[in-house]
Amino acid sequence: MQRLGKVSNVTPSRNLIVKTENPPKMGFEVVDENLNVVGKVFDIIGPVSAPYAVIKPTVREPEKLVNKPVYLLLSKTKRSKR
């Protein structure tokens, strides 16, 4: 599990915005501190020096995640084999 960042806000289309230092690849599952899946990485926006991850939530009330940390679930199937 790798810390993604803290949810800063929810967009009008109900996506979560997370300020992150290390932008993840799209499609990674995002979990809360209890390992509950809250969504998937949908897009990376902003400048390279200050990227934000856009998370497409799978929870009913994404507003409850504002100001809470979220993490990447690095499953073995998503890692590249080198």
C-alpha atoms as a PDB file:
ATOM      1  CA  MET A   1       0.000   0.000   0.000  1.00  0.00           C
ATOM      2  CA  GLN A   2       1.376   3.418  -0.969  1.00  0.00           C
ATOM      3  CA  ARG A   3       0.074   6.784   0.211  1.00  0.00           C
ATOM      4  CA  LEU A   4      -1.454   8.718  -2.677  1.00  0.00           C
ATOM      5  CA  GLY A   5      -2.319  11.924  -0.831  1.00  0.00           C
ATOM      6  CA  LYS A   6      -5.182  13.740   0.879  1.00  0.00           C
ATOM      7  CA  VAL A   7      -8.528  14.322  -0.802  1.00  0.00           C
ATOM      8  CA  SER A   8      -8.801  18.081  -1.324  1.00  0.00           C
ATOM      9  CA  ASN A   9     -12.302  18.328  -2.760  1.00  0.00           C
ATOM     10  CA  VAL A  10     -15.093  16.740  -4.803  1.00  0.00           C
ATOM     11  CA  THR A  11     -15.831  18.095  -8.285  1.00  0.00           C
ATOM     12  CA  PRO A  12     -19.375  18.898  -9.503  1.00  0.00           C
ATOM     13  CA  SER A  13     -19.237  15.586 -11.412  1.00  0.00           C
ATOM     14  CA  ARG A  14     -18.498  13.904  -8.048  1.00  0.00           C
ATOM     15  CA  ASN A  15     -14.870  12.953  -8.777  1.00  0.00           C
ATOM     16  CA  LEU A  16     -12.306  13.164  -5.977  1.00  0.00           C
ATOM     17  CA  ILE A  17      -9.278  15.457  -6.373  1.00  0.00           C
ATOM     18  CA  VAL A  18      -6.091  14.361  -4.596  1.00  0.00           C
ATOM     19  CA  LYS A  19      -2.852  16.376  -4.486  1.00  0.00           C
ATOM     20  CA  THR A  20      -0.037  13.913  -5.000  1.00  0.00           C
ATOM     21  CA  GLU A  21       3.733  14.028  -5.289  1.00  0.00           C
ATOM     22  CA  ASN A  22       4.089  10.803  -7.270  1.00  0.00           C
ATOM     23  CA  PRO A  23       1.315  10.536  -9.860  1.00  0.00           C
ATOM     24  CA  PRO A  24       0.094   6.951 -10.269  1.00  0.00           C
ATOM     25  CA  LYS A  25      -0.853   5.173 -13.462  1.00  0.00           C
ATOM     26  CA  MET A  26      -4.477   5.260 -14.499  1.00  0.00           C
ATOM     27  CA  GLY A  27      -6.692   2.414 -13.383  1.00  0.00           C
ATOM     28  CA  PHE A  28      -5.052   1.780 -10.011  1.00  0.00           C
ATOM     29  CA  GLU A  29      -7.521   1.118  -7.207  1.00  0.00           C
ATOM     30  CA  VAL A  30      -7.599   3.693  -4.411  1.00  0.00           C
ATOM     31  CA  VAL A  31      -8.397   2.705  -0.815  1.00  0.00           C
ATOM     32  CA  ASP A  32      -8.977   4.487   2.491  1.00  0.00           C
ATOM     33  CA  GLU A  33      -7.086   3.806   5.739  1.00  0.00           C
ATOM     34  CA  ASN A  34      -9.332   0.771   6.404  1.00  0.00           C
ATOM     35  CA  LEU A  35      -8.449  -0.760   2.999  1.00  0.00           C
ATOM     36  CA  ASN A  36     -11.954  -0.123   1.661  1.00  0.00           C
ATOM     37  CA  VAL A  37     -11.869   0.550  -2.072  1.00  0.00           C
ATOM     38  CA  VAL A  38     -13.100   4.107  -2.675  1.00  0.00           C
ATOM     39  CA  GLY A  39     -12.449   4.386  -6.418  1.00  0.00           C
ATOM     40  CA  LYS A  40      -9.958   4.190  -9.283  1.00  0.00           C
ATOM     41  CA  VAL A  41      -7.438   6.646 -10.697  1.00  0.00           C
ATOM     42  CA  PHE A  42      -9.251   8.266 -13.623  1.00  0.00           C
ATOM     43  CA  ASP A  43      -6.907  11.080 -14.701  1.00  0.00           C
ATOM     44  CA  ILE A  44      -3.833  13.132 -13.745  1.00  0.00           C
ATOM     45  CA  ILE A  45      -4.195  16.916 -14.023  1.00  0.00           C
ATOM     46  CA  GLY A  46      -2.172  20.028 -13.246  1.00  0.00           C
ATOM     47  CA  PRO A  47       1.471  20.887 -13.828  1.00  0.00           C
ATOM     48  CA  VAL A  48       4.189  18.244 -13.582  1.00  0.00           C
ATOM     49  CA  SER A  49       5.611  20.076 -10.564  1.00  0.00           C
ATOM     50  CA  ALA A  50       2.292  19.877  -8.660  1.00  0.00           C
ATOM     51  CA  PRO A  51       0.121  17.041 -10.035  1.00  0.00           C
ATOM     52  CA  TYR A  52      -3.355  16.099  -8.908  1.00  0.00           C
ATOM     53  CA  ALA A  53      -4.976  12.688  -9.294  1.00  0.00           C
ATOM     54  CA  VAL A  54      -8.638  12.526 -10.299  1.00  0.00           C
ATOM     55  CA  ILE A  55     -10.379   9.564  -8.683  1.00  0.00           C
ATOM     56  CA  LYS A  56     -13.644   8.136 -10.040  1.00  0.00           C
ATOM     57  CA  PRO A  57     -15.341   7.131  -6.773  1.00  0.00           C
ATOM     58  CA  THR A  58     -17.148   3.867  -6.180  1.00  0.00           C
ATOM     59  CA  VAL A  59     -18.586   5.009  -2.831  1.00  0.00           C
ATOM     60  CA  ARG A  60     -22.023   6.575  -2.382  1.00  0.00           C
ATOM     61  CA  GLU A  61     -20.899   9.659  -0.464  1.00  0.00           C
ATOM     62  CA  PRO A  62     -17.487  10.786  -1.748  1.00  0.00           C
ATOM     63  CA  GLU A  63     -17.862  14.072   0.198  1.00  0.00           C
ATOM     64  CA  LYS A  64     -17.066  12.146   3.406  1.00  0.00           C
ATOM     65  CA  LEU A  65     -13.515  11.551   2.118  1.00  0.00           C
ATOM     66  CA  VAL A  66     -12.540  15.253   1.902  1.00  0.00           C
ATOM     67  CA  ASN A  67      -9.416  15.969   4.021  1.00  0.00           C
ATOM     68  CA  LYS A  68      -8.809  12.229   4.529  1.00  0.00           C
ATOM     69  CA  PRO A  69      -5.740  10.351   3.271  1.00  0.00           C
ATOM     70  CA  VAL A  70      -6.128   7.794   0.499  1.00  0.00           C
ATOM     71  CA  TYR A  71      -3.740   5.097  -0.670  1.00  0.00           C
ATOM     72  CA  LEU A  72      -2.920   3.125  -3.800  1.00  0.00           C
ATOM     73  CA  LEU A  73      -3.635  -0.563  -3.673  1.00  0.00           C
ATOM     74  CA  LEU A  74      -0.642  -2.026  -5.461  1.00  0.00           C
ATOM     75  CA  SER A  75      -1.910  -5.458  -6.401  1.00  0.00           C
ATOM     76  CA  LYS A  76       0.364  -8.032  -7.976  1.00  0.00           C
ATOM     77  CA  THR A  77      -1.735  -8.112 -11.136  1.00  0.00           C
ATOM     78  CA  LYS A  78      -1.246  -4.360 -11.782  1.00  0.00           C
ATOM     79  CA  ARG A  79       2.547  -4.316 -11.427  1.00  0.00           C
ATOM     80  CA  SER A  80       4.591  -4.573 -14.574  1.00  0.00           C
ATOM     81  CA  LYS A  81       6.721  -7.678 -14.920  1.00  0.00           C
ATOM     82  CA  ARG A  82      10.312  -6.859 -15.861  1.00  0.00           C
END
